[in-house]
Amino acid sequence: MCELLGMSANTPTDICFSFSGLMERGGRTGPHRDGWGIVFYEGRGARAFHDPNPSAQSPLANWVKDYPIKSQIVISHIRQANVGATSLENTHPFQRELWGRSFSFAHNGQVPDVKKKPLQFYLPIGDTDSEHAFCWILDQLRKRFPTRPDSPQQWLPLVASVSRQLAELGVFNMLLSDGEVLLSFCSTKLCWLTRQAPFNHASLKDTELTVNFAKETTDQDKVTIIATEPLTADESWQAYSSGEFRAFLHGTSIFESSADEPQR
């Protein structure tokens, strides 16, 4: 399967450290050789990079790793292809416009029966079940909310609900963002941590790199990282439960629900 990486921060922050660990899993320390992609939000704009080649050997991935692009929301993905050819159009994250905003989506797992769900407003460019699922989610949002709601709290419960419907079709771990909030859903495997004062050292599992965040941050900084597997060996990652949905704004969880509590 694939691996996901997301970031939500209260101040523009680079993701070089975490991405350095993730990209190693794309063909060196992990089997995810079938492409990678990353989206950085800057205000209402989104800067995206995609490559169907293994991230561990990608000159473009090395450039992203070394170039400190500052963002408050990032979504990244490394792919191990199961459904759909290894190609640029099948490389996550996928992007579409809704409510005048750029939505980005990345998925880990397989939901092949999702292609039986009819689409109305949005159509896939590639042939993955992931992109079809993304288009279906946006269809549901557009049907329910033809115009942008005043608050994310109005539409987050719908995404939590449709995510659980998709999880019934297979494995559905995902990250989704409109550039304001970062949404996450766990079907089988996802974890998160929040870095805030007092900051400490952190060491990556997949490459020899350690950062002292106390020297790189201020006391007001708050950064939440979401990943399929913990990226560091010396931090306390929290595992999602199956069916758990979380949405983050500026590094803080603003909406949570579980299979037992759909609208907590």
Foldseek 3Di string as FASTA:
>chain_A
DKKKKKKAALWFWFPLVLLVLRLCCQVHVHPLAQWKKKWAFDPQDIDIDIDRGRSVPDPVNVVSNPDGGTHRIMIMMGHDDDWFHSDRLPYDFDWDDDQNGIKTKDKDWAQPCLVVDDADPDDRPTTGSRRSLVRVLRRVVCVVPVHDDPDVLVCVLVSLVVQVVSLVRIFTWMWMDRRFKIKTAGADFKKKDKAAPPFAKWAFPSDGDIDGVNVVDDRPMIMMMMMRDDGTDPDDIGIDDHSWMFMDGNNHTPFIAGPVGSGD
